[in-house]
Amino acid sequence: MQCERCKKKTASVHITQFINGKKNEKHLCEECAREEKLNLEFPKIPLHNLNEFLGAFFNQPLIANEQVIDDVCPNCKSSYSEIAEQGRMACSECYRHFSSYLEPALRKIHGTNLHRGKIPRQMGASFRINRELDDLKLKLRQAVEKEEYEKAAEIRDRIKELESKIDKGEV
């Protein structure tokens, strides 16, 4: 594959960006990548400390204020600062208890805090439609909470359309 910029050398740097849900790819040679001031080195990320690890992504640590540091898990009595230093939760209740602190960071990394996974082809269209219905019902609730009634009406109509397909056995 040729470099998209100079069109002379072989592209050895491949960059994929997702901006507002749209995929953008660049294929450049090393020289053109350097000219565009792209950092070709991997950042040094500490893997032993959750606070530093996530802080490397956001240029800020997970522990932002004293209130968070003083919070402890009601089950195992581990503090949030201890968990951030260790890089792992002490018990299953820790994740539930500290989720309000972790979810914003996880949402920044993954784009969402909900793992949906792939849909097996054997499951067929009915599974996909049921998943779409669940998503639409959530979006409908959010639109109503934000008082976006026109958007909510469109979502409601789409829900009715999908439910009628299920009722008629078209799926």
N, C-alpha and C. Protein backbone atom coordinates (compact mmCIF):
# COMPACT_ATOMS: atom_id res chain seq x y z
N MET A 1 0.85 -1.18 0.00
CA MET A 1 0.00 0.00 0.00
C MET A 1 0.90 1.24 0.00
N GLN A 2 0.59 2.19 -0.84
CA GLN A 2 1.37 3.43 -0.97
C GLN A 2 0.97 4.45 0.09
N CYS A 3 1.91 5.29 0.44
CA CYS A 3 1.67 6.39 1.37
C CYS A 3 0.65 7.33 0.73
N GLU A 4 -0.38 7.72 1.50
CA GLU A 4 -1.42 8.60 0.98
C GLU A 4 -0.93 10.03 0.78
N ARG A 5 0.14 10.38 1.45
CA ARG A 5 0.62 11.76 1.38
C ARG A 5 1.62 11.97 0.24
N CYS A 6 2.71 11.19 0.26
CA CYS A 6 3.76 11.40 -0.76
C CYS A 6 3.55 10.53 -2.00
N LYS A 7 2.77 9.48 -1.87
CA LYS A 7 2.45 8.56 -2.96
C LYS A 7 3.69 7.92 -3.58
N LYS A 8 4.80 7.85 -2.82
CA LYS A 8 6.05 7.28 -3.34
C LYS A 8 6.48 6.05 -2.55
N LYS A 9 6.49 6.19 -1.23
CA LYS A 9 6.99 5.12 -0.37
C LYS A 9 5.86 4.21 0.09
N THR A 10 6.25 3.07 0.62
CA THR A 10 5.27 2.12 1.16
C THR A 10 4.77 2.62 2.52
N ALA A 11 3.48 2.56 2.71
CA ALA A 11 2.89 2.99 3.98
C ALA A 11 3.20 1.97 5.06
N SER A 12 3.80 2.43 6.14
CA SER A 12 4.11 1.54 7.26
C SER A 12 3.43 1.99 8.54
N VAL A 13 2.81 3.16 8.52
CA VAL A 13 2.08 3.68 9.67
C VAL A 13 0.61 3.75 9.28
N HIS A 14 -0.21 3.01 10.02
CA HIS A 14 -1.64 2.96 9.73
C HIS A 14 -2.39 3.49 10.94
N ILE A 15 -3.16 4.54 10.72
CA ILE A 15 -3.85 5.22 11.82
C ILE A 15 -5.35 5.10 11.57
N THR A 16 -6.05 4.62 12.58
CA THR A 16 -7.50 4.54 12.50
C THR A 16 -8.07 5.39 13.61
N GLN A 17 -8.94 6.33 13.26
CA GLN A 17 -9.60 7.20 14.24
C GLN A 17 -11.10 7.06 14.08
N PHE A 18 -11.80 7.12 15.20
CA PHE A 18 -13.25 7.16 15.20
C PHE A 18 -13.64 8.52 15.76
N ILE A 19 -14.19 9.36 14.89
CA ILE A 19 -14.60 10.70 15.29
C ILE A 19 -16.09 10.84 15.02
N ASN A 20 -16.85 11.07 16.08
CA ASN A 20 -18.32 11.18 15.99
C ASN A 20 -18.92 9.97 15.28
N GLY A 21 -18.40 8.78 15.59
CA GLY A 21 -18.94 7.55 15.04
C GLY A 21 -18.49 7.24 13.62
N LYS A 22 -17.67 8.10 13.02
CA LYS A 22 -17.19 7.86 11.66
C LYS A 22 -15.74 7.40 11.69
N LYS A 23 -15.47 6.36 10.90
CA LYS A 23 -14.13 5.79 10.85
C LYS A 23 -13.29 6.55 9.84
N ASN A 24 -12.09 6.96 10.25
CA ASN A 24 -11.16 7.68 9.39
C ASN A 24 -9.83 6.95 9.45
N GLU A 25 -9.31 6.56 8.28
CA GLU A 25 -8.05 5.83 8.23
C GLU A 25 -7.01 6.62 7.44
N LYS A 26 -5.77 6.55 7.92
CA LYS A 26 -4.64 7.16 7.21
C LYS A 26 -3.57 6.09 7.07
N HIS A 27 -2.93 6.07 5.91
CA HIS A 27 -1.84 5.14 5.65
C HIS A 27 -0.66 5.98 5.16
N LEU A 28 0.38 6.07 6.00
CA LEU A 28 1.51 6.95 5.73
C LEU A 28 2.83 6.19 5.84
N CYS A 29 3.85 6.71 5.16
CA CYS A 29 5.21 6.20 5.38
C CYS A 29 5.72 6.86 6.67
N GLU A 30 6.81 6.33 7.22
CA GLU A 30 7.33 6.87 8.48
C GLU A 30 7.72 8.33 8.37
N GLU A 31 8.31 8.69 7.25
CA GLU A 31 8.75 10.08 7.06
C GLU A 31 7.56 11.05 7.08
N CYS A 32 6.50 10.72 6.35
CA CYS A 32 5.31 11.59 6.32
C CYS A 32 4.62 11.63 7.68
N ALA A 33 4.63 10.50 8.39
CA ALA A 33 4.03 10.46 9.72
C ALA A 33 4.79 11.39 10.67
N ARG A 34 6.13 11.41 10.56
CA ARG A 34 6.92 12.32 11.40
C ARG A 34 6.65 13.77 11.04
N GLU A 35 6.51 14.05 9.73
CA GLU A 35 6.22 15.42 9.29
C GLU A 35 4.87 15.90 9.81
N GLU A 36 3.92 14.96 9.97
CA GLU A 36 2.62 15.32 10.54
C GLU A 36 2.67 15.34 12.06
N LYS A 37 3.89 15.18 12.59
CA LYS A 37 4.15 15.23 14.03
C LYS A 37 3.35 14.17 14.80
N LEU A 38 3.29 12.98 14.24
CA LEU A 38 2.65 11.88 14.94
C LEU A 38 3.69 11.20 15.81
N ASN A 39 3.34 10.91 17.03
CA ASN A 39 4.24 10.21 17.93
C ASN A 39 4.12 8.72 17.64
N LEU A 40 5.19 8.12 17.16
CA LEU A 40 5.17 6.72 16.77
C LEU A 40 5.57 5.79 17.90
N GLU A 41 5.88 6.32 19.07
CA GLU A 41 6.27 5.49 20.20
C GLU A 41 5.06 5.23 21.08
N PHE A 42 5.01 4.03 21.67
CA PHE A 42 3.94 3.70 22.60
C PHE A 42 4.20 4.42 23.91
N PRO A 43 3.14 4.94 24.53
CA PRO A 43 3.35 5.60 25.82
C PRO A 43 3.73 4.58 26.88
N LYS A 44 4.55 4.99 27.82
CA LYS A 44 4.92 4.11 28.92
C LYS A 44 3.78 4.16 29.94
N ILE A 45 3.08 3.04 30.05
CA ILE A 45 1.90 2.98 30.91
C ILE A 45 2.19 2.05 32.08
N PRO A 46 2.09 2.55 33.29
CA PRO A 46 2.31 1.69 34.44
C PRO A 46 1.14 0.72 34.60
N LEU A 47 1.43 -0.57 34.66
CA LEU A 47 0.36 -1.57 34.76
C LEU A 47 0.09 -2.01 36.18
N HIS A 48 0.86 -1.55 37.14
CA HIS A 48 0.69 -1.97 38.52
C HIS A 48 -0.19 -1.01 39.33
N ASN A 49 -0.55 0.13 38.77
CA ASN A 49 -1.27 1.14 39.53
C ASN A 49 -2.43 1.65 38.70
N LEU A 50 -3.65 1.32 39.10
CA LEU A 50 -4.85 1.70 38.35
C LEU A 50 -4.97 3.21 38.22
N ASN A 51 -4.64 3.93 39.29
CA ASN A 51 -4.71 5.38 39.26
C ASN A 51 -3.79 5.96 38.19
N GLU A 52 -2.54 5.49 38.16
CA GLU A 52 -1.58 5.98 37.16
C GLU A 52 -1.93 5.47 35.77
N PHE A 53 -2.41 4.22 35.67
CA PHE A 53 -2.75 3.63 34.39
C PHE A 53 -3.84 4.43 33.69
N LEU A 54 -4.95 4.67 34.38
CA LEU A 54 -6.04 5.45 33.77
C LEU A 54 -5.67 6.92 33.67
N GLY A 55 -4.85 7.40 34.59
CA GLY A 55 -4.37 8.77 34.51
C GLY A 55 -3.55 9.01 33.26
N ALA A 56 -2.84 7.95 32.79
CA ALA A 56 -2.04 8.08 31.56
C ALA A 56 -2.95 8.31 30.36
N PHE A 57 -4.16 7.77 30.39
CA PHE A 57 -5.11 7.98 29.29
C PHE A 57 -5.71 9.37 29.32
N PHE A 58 -5.98 9.87 30.52
CA PHE A 58 -6.73 11.11 30.64
C PHE A 58 -5.90 12.29 31.10
N ASN A 59 -4.61 12.07 31.33
CA ASN A 59 -3.72 13.10 31.87
C ASN A 59 -4.21 13.61 33.21
N GLN A 60 -4.92 12.75 33.92
CA GLN A 60 -5.36 13.09 35.27
C GLN A 60 -5.61 11.79 36.01
N PRO A 61 -5.33 11.72 37.29
CA PRO A 61 -5.53 10.49 38.04
C PRO A 61 -7.01 10.25 38.33
N LEU A 62 -7.32 9.01 38.69
CA LEU A 62 -8.68 8.68 39.09
C LEU A 62 -9.05 9.37 40.40
N ILE A 63 -8.08 9.50 41.27
CA ILE A 63 -8.34 10.11 42.57
C ILE A 63 -8.22 11.62 42.41
N ALA A 64 -9.35 12.30 42.45
CA ALA A 64 -9.36 13.73 42.18
C ALA A 64 -9.48 14.57 43.45
N ASN A 65 -10.10 14.02 44.49
CA ASN A 65 -10.27 14.83 45.70
C ASN A 65 -10.25 13.94 46.95
N GLU A 66 -10.17 14.56 48.10
CA GLU A 66 -10.07 13.82 49.35
C GLU A 66 -11.31 12.99 49.65
N GLN A 67 -12.47 13.44 49.20
CA GLN A 67 -13.71 12.70 49.47
C GLN A 67 -13.63 11.30 48.87
N VAL A 68 -13.11 11.20 47.67
CA VAL A 68 -12.98 9.91 47.01
C VAL A 68 -11.97 9.04 47.75
N ILE A 69 -10.87 9.61 48.17
CA ILE A 69 -9.81 8.87 48.85
C ILE A 69 -10.34 8.26 50.15
N ASP A 70 -11.19 8.97 50.87
CA ASP A 70 -11.69 8.51 52.17
C ASP A 70 -12.79 7.47 52.05
N ASP A 71 -13.38 7.30 50.89
CA ASP A 71 -14.48 6.35 50.71
C ASP A 71 -13.96 4.92 50.84
N VAL A 72 -14.71 4.06 51.54
CA VAL A 72 -14.31 2.66 51.71
C VAL A 72 -15.45 1.72 51.32
N CYS A 73 -15.09 0.53 50.90
CA CYS A 73 -16.06 -0.50 50.54
C CYS A 73 -16.73 -1.01 51.82
N PRO A 74 -18.05 -1.09 51.84
CA PRO A 74 -18.72 -1.56 53.05
C PRO A 74 -18.47 -3.05 53.34
N ASN A 75 -18.08 -3.81 52.34
CA ASN A 75 -17.87 -5.25 52.51
C ASN A 75 -16.48 -5.57 53.04
N CYS A 76 -15.44 -5.11 52.33
CA CYS A 76 -14.07 -5.50 52.70
C CYS A 76 -13.28 -4.38 53.36
N LYS A 77 -13.86 -3.18 53.43
CA LYS A 77 -13.26 -2.01 54.07
C LYS A 77 -12.02 -1.48 53.33
N SER A 78 -11.86 -1.86 52.04
CA SER A 78 -10.75 -1.31 51.24
C SER A 78 -11.11 0.10 50.82
N SER A 79 -10.13 1.00 50.88
CA SER A 79 -10.39 2.37 50.45
C SER A 79 -10.19 2.47 48.94
N TYR A 80 -10.77 3.50 48.37
CA TYR A 80 -10.64 3.72 46.93
C TYR A 80 -9.18 3.98 46.55
N SER A 81 -8.45 4.69 47.39
CA SER A 81 -7.04 4.96 47.09
C SER A 81 -6.22 3.68 47.11
N GLU A 82 -6.54 2.73 48.01
CA GLU A 82 -5.85 1.44 48.04
C GLU A 82 -6.10 0.66 46.75
N ILE A 83 -7.36 0.69 46.29
CA ILE A 83 -7.72 -0.02 45.06
C ILE A 83 -7.00 0.60 43.86
N ALA A 84 -6.93 1.93 43.82
CA ALA A 84 -6.24 2.60 42.73
C ALA A 84 -4.75 2.26 42.73
N GLU A 85 -4.15 2.15 43.92
CA GLU A 85 -2.73 1.81 44.01
C GLU A 85 -2.47 0.37 43.62
N GLN A 86 -3.35 -0.55 44.04
CA GLN A 86 -3.18 -1.97 43.74
C GLN A 86 -3.50 -2.30 42.28
N GLY A 87 -4.40 -1.54 41.69
CA GLY A 87 -4.80 -1.80 40.31
C GLY A 87 -5.84 -2.89 40.18
N ARG A 88 -6.48 -3.26 41.28
CA ARG A 88 -7.55 -4.28 41.23
C ARG A 88 -8.50 -4.10 42.41
N MET A 89 -9.70 -4.60 42.22
CA MET A 89 -10.71 -4.52 43.27
C MET A 89 -10.41 -5.59 44.30
N ALA A 90 -10.73 -5.30 45.56
CA ALA A 90 -10.46 -6.26 46.63
C ALA A 90 -11.56 -7.31 46.74
N CYS A 91 -12.81 -6.95 46.38
CA CYS A 91 -13.91 -7.92 46.44
C CYS A 91 -14.94 -7.56 45.38
N SER A 92 -15.94 -8.41 45.22
CA SER A 92 -16.95 -8.16 44.19
C SER A 92 -17.81 -6.94 44.52
N GLU A 93 -17.97 -6.63 45.78
CA GLU A 93 -18.77 -5.47 46.18
C GLU A 93 -18.06 -4.16 45.86
N CYS A 94 -16.71 -4.18 45.78
CA CYS A 94 -15.94 -2.96 45.48
C CYS A 94 -16.39 -2.35 44.15
N TYR A 95 -16.57 -3.18 43.15
CA TYR A 95 -16.94 -2.63 41.85
C TYR A 95 -18.29 -1.92 41.95
N ARG A 96 -19.25 -2.54 42.63
CA ARG A 96 -20.57 -1.91 42.77
C ARG A 96 -20.47 -0.61 43.58
N HIS A 97 -19.71 -0.65 44.66
CA HIS A 97 -19.62 0.51 45.54
C HIS A 97 -18.90 1.69 44.87
N PHE A 98 -17.83 1.41 44.15
CA PHE A 98 -17.03 2.47 43.53
C PHE A 98 -17.40 2.73 42.07
N SER A 99 -18.49 2.13 41.60
CA SER A 99 -18.86 2.26 40.18
C SER A 99 -19.08 3.70 39.75
N SER A 100 -19.60 4.54 40.64
CA SER A 100 -19.84 5.93 40.26
C SER A 100 -18.52 6.67 39.98
N TYR A 101 -17.42 6.22 40.60
CA TYR A 101 -16.11 6.82 40.34
C TYR A 101 -15.47 6.23 39.09
N LEU A 102 -15.69 4.94 38.86
CA LEU A 102 -15.04 4.24 37.75
C LEU A 102 -15.75 4.43 36.41
N GLU A 103 -17.08 4.52 36.43
CA GLU A 103 -17.84 4.57 35.17
C GLU A 103 -17.44 5.70 34.24
N PRO A 104 -17.24 6.93 34.73
CA PRO A 104 -16.82 7.98 33.79
C PRO A 104 -15.49 7.66 33.10
N ALA A 105 -14.56 7.09 33.85
CA ALA A 105 -13.26 6.73 33.25
C ALA A 105 -13.43 5.61 32.24
N LEU A 106 -14.20 4.59 32.58
CA LEU A 106 -14.42 3.48 31.66
C LEU A 106 -15.17 3.94 30.41
N ARG A 107 -16.10 4.86 30.58
CA ARG A 107 -16.85 5.39 29.44
C ARG A 107 -15.92 6.13 28.49
N LYS A 108 -14.92 6.84 29.04
CA LYS A 108 -13.96 7.55 28.20
C LYS A 108 -13.11 6.57 27.41
N ILE A 109 -12.72 5.47 28.03
CA ILE A 109 -11.87 4.48 27.36
C ILE A 109 -12.66 3.71 26.30
N HIS A 110 -13.83 3.19 26.67
CA HIS A 110 -14.59 2.29 25.79
C HIS A 110 -15.69 2.98 25.00
N GLY A 111 -16.04 4.17 25.37
CA GLY A 111 -17.14 4.85 24.68
C GLY A 111 -18.49 4.52 25.28
N THR A 112 -18.56 3.52 26.12
CA THR A 112 -19.79 3.13 26.78
C THR A 112 -19.42 2.34 28.02
N ASN A 113 -20.36 2.14 28.90
CA ASN A 113 -20.09 1.30 30.06
C ASN A 113 -20.92 0.02 29.99
N LEU A 114 -21.41 -0.30 28.80
CA LEU A 114 -22.23 -1.49 28.59
C LEU A 114 -21.58 -2.36 27.54
N HIS A 115 -21.29 -3.60 27.86
CA HIS A 115 -20.71 -4.52 26.89
C HIS A 115 -21.84 -5.31 26.24
N ARG A 116 -21.93 -5.20 24.92
CA ARG A 116 -22.99 -5.89 24.20
C ARG A 116 -22.49 -7.15 23.51
N GLY A 117 -21.27 -7.18 23.07
CA GLY A 117 -20.74 -8.35 22.38
C GLY A 117 -21.32 -8.51 20.99
N LYS A 118 -20.87 -9.52 20.30
CA LYS A 118 -21.35 -9.79 18.96
C LYS A 118 -22.58 -10.69 19.03
N ILE A 119 -23.40 -10.61 18.00
CA ILE A 119 -24.59 -11.45 17.92
C ILE A 119 -24.26 -12.63 17.01
N PRO A 120 -24.38 -13.85 17.51
CA PRO A 120 -24.12 -15.00 16.64
C PRO A 120 -25.13 -15.07 15.49
N ARG A 121 -24.67 -15.46 14.32
CA ARG A 121 -25.56 -15.54 13.16
C ARG A 121 -26.68 -16.54 13.37
N GLN A 122 -26.41 -17.59 14.14
CA GLN A 122 -27.43 -18.61 14.37
C GLN A 122 -28.63 -18.06 15.15
N MET A 123 -28.40 -16.98 15.90
CA MET A 123 -29.49 -16.43 16.70
C MET A 123 -30.55 -15.78 15.83
N GLY A 124 -30.16 -15.32 14.66
CA GLY A 124 -31.12 -14.79 13.71
C GLY A 124 -31.58 -13.38 14.00
N ALA A 125 -32.52 -12.97 13.18
CA ALA A 125 -33.01 -11.60 13.21
C ALA A 125 -33.81 -11.28 14.48
N SER A 126 -34.50 -12.26 15.03
CA SER A 126 -35.34 -11.99 16.21
C SER A 126 -34.49 -11.50 17.39
N PHE A 127 -33.33 -12.08 17.55
CA PHE A 127 -32.45 -11.66 18.64
C PHE A 127 -32.00 -10.22 18.42
N ARG A 128 -31.64 -9.90 17.17
CA ARG A 128 -31.20 -8.54 16.85
C ARG A 128 -32.33 -7.54 17.08
N ILE A 129 -33.54 -7.91 16.69
CA ILE A 129 -34.67 -6.99 16.87
C ILE A 129 -34.98 -6.80 18.35
N ASN A 130 -34.90 -7.86 19.13
CA ASN A 130 -35.13 -7.72 20.58
C ASN A 130 -34.08 -6.82 21.22
N ARG A 131 -32.83 -6.95 20.76
CA ARG A 131 -31.78 -6.08 21.28
C ARG A 131 -32.05 -4.64 20.86
N GLU A 132 -32.45 -4.43 19.60
CA GLU A 132 -32.76 -3.08 19.13
C GLU A 132 -33.93 -2.50 19.92
N LEU A 133 -34.94 -3.32 20.23
CA LEU A 133 -36.07 -2.85 21.03
C LEU A 133 -35.61 -2.39 22.41
N ASP A 134 -34.74 -3.17 23.04
CA ASP A 134 -34.21 -2.77 24.36
C ASP A 134 -33.49 -1.43 24.28
N ASP A 135 -32.66 -1.29 23.24
CA ASP A 135 -31.92 -0.02 23.05
C ASP A 135 -32.88 1.14 22.82
N LEU A 136 -33.90 0.92 21.99
CA LEU A 136 -34.86 1.98 21.69
C LEU A 136 -35.66 2.38 22.92
N LYS A 137 -36.03 1.42 23.75
CA LYS A 137 -36.78 1.74 24.96
C LYS A 137 -35.94 2.58 25.92
N LEU A 138 -34.64 2.27 25.99
CA LEU A 138 -33.74 3.08 26.81
C LEU A 138 -33.63 4.49 26.25
N LYS A 139 -33.47 4.59 24.93
CA LYS A 139 -33.38 5.91 24.29
C LYS A 139 -34.67 6.70 24.47
N LEU A 140 -35.81 6.01 24.43
CA LEU A 140 -37.10 6.67 24.63
C LEU A 140 -37.18 7.28 26.02
N ARG A 141 -36.77 6.50 27.03
CA ARG A 141 -36.77 7.01 28.40
C ARG A 141 -35.87 8.23 28.54
N GLN A 142 -34.69 8.15 27.92
CA GLN A 142 -33.75 9.27 28.00
C GLN A 142 -34.30 10.51 27.29
N ALA A 143 -34.94 10.31 26.14
CA ALA A 143 -35.51 11.44 25.40
C ALA A 143 -36.63 12.11 26.20
N VAL A 144 -37.46 11.32 26.86
CA VAL A 144 -38.54 11.88 27.67
C VAL A 144 -37.97 12.64 28.87
N GLU A 145 -36.92 12.07 29.50
CA GLU A 145 -36.29 12.76 30.63
C GLU A 145 -35.70 14.10 30.21
N LYS A 146 -35.17 14.17 28.98
CA LYS A 146 -34.58 15.40 28.47
C LYS A 146 -35.63 16.32 27.84
N GLU A 147 -36.88 15.86 27.86
CA GLU A 147 -38.00 16.60 27.29
C GLU A 147 -37.83 16.85 25.78
N GLU A 148 -37.25 15.86 25.10
CA GLU A 148 -37.12 15.89 23.64
C GLU A 148 -38.27 15.07 23.07
N TYR A 149 -39.45 15.67 23.05
CA TYR A 149 -40.66 14.92 22.74
C TYR A 149 -40.78 14.53 21.28
N GLU A 150 -40.25 15.33 20.37
CA GLU A 150 -40.29 14.95 18.96
C GLU A 150 -39.43 13.72 18.71
N LYS A 151 -38.26 13.73 19.29
CA LYS A 151 -37.37 12.57 19.17
C LYS A 151 -38.01 11.35 19.83
N ALA A 152 -38.64 11.56 20.97
CA ALA A 152 -39.31 10.47 21.68
C ALA A 152 -40.44 9.88 20.84
N ALA A 153 -41.16 10.73 20.13
CA ALA A 153 -42.25 10.24 19.28
C ALA A 153 -41.71 9.39 18.13
N GLU A 154 -40.60 9.80 17.54
CA GLU A 154 -39.98 9.00 16.47
C GLU A 154 -39.53 7.64 17.00
N ILE A 155 -38.94 7.64 18.17
CA ILE A 155 -38.48 6.39 18.78
C ILE A 155 -39.67 5.50 19.11
N ARG A 156 -40.74 6.09 19.65
CA ARG A 156 -41.96 5.34 19.97
C ARG A 156 -42.52 4.67 18.73
N ASP A 157 -42.55 5.42 17.61
CA ASP A 157 -43.06 4.86 16.36
C ASP A 157 -42.21 3.70 15.87
N ARG A 158 -40.89 3.82 16.01
CA ARG A 158 -39.99 2.74 15.60
C ARG A 158 -40.22 1.50 16.48
N ILE A 159 -40.44 1.72 17.77
CA ILE A 159 -40.72 0.60 18.69
C ILE A 159 -41.99 -0.11 18.27
N LYS A 160 -43.05 0.66 17.97
CA LYS A 160 -44.32 0.06 17.54
C LYS A 160 -44.15 -0.74 16.25
N GLU A 161 -43.35 -0.20 15.34
CA GLU A 161 -43.09 -0.87 14.06
C GLU A 161 -42.40 -2.22 14.29
N LEU A 162 -41.40 -2.24 15.14
CA LEU A 162 -40.69 -3.48 15.41
C LEU A 162 -41.56 -4.48 16.16
N GLU A 163 -42.35 -3.98 17.11
CA GLU A 163 -43.23 -4.87 17.85
C GLU A 163 -44.31 -5.49 16.96
N SER A 164 -44.80 -4.71 16.00
CA SER A 164 -45.81 -5.26 15.07
C SER A 164 -45.18 -6.33 14.17
N LYS A 165 -43.94 -6.17 13.79
CA LYS A 165 -43.24 -7.19 13.00
C LYS A 165 -43.13 -8.49 13.79
N ILE A 166 -42.83 -8.36 15.08
CA ILE A 166 -42.74 -9.55 15.94
C ILE A 166 -44.10 -10.21 16.08
N ASP A 167 -45.15 -9.41 16.31
CA ASP A 167 -46.49 -9.94 16.47
C ASP A 167 -47.00 -10.65 15.22
N LYS A 168 -46.67 -10.12 14.06
CA LYS A 168 -47.11 -10.71 12.79
C LYS A 168 -46.27 -11.92 12.40
N GLY A 169 -45.18 -12.13 13.10
CA GLY A 169 -44.31 -13.26 12.79
C GLY A 169 -43.42 -13.02 11.59
N GLU A 170 -43.19 -11.78 11.25
CA GLU A 170 -42.33 -11.46 10.11
C GLU A 170 -40.87 -11.69 10.43
N VAL A 171 -40.57 -11.82 11.69
CA VAL A 171 -39.17 -12.02 12.09
C VAL A 171 -39.00 -13.37 12.73
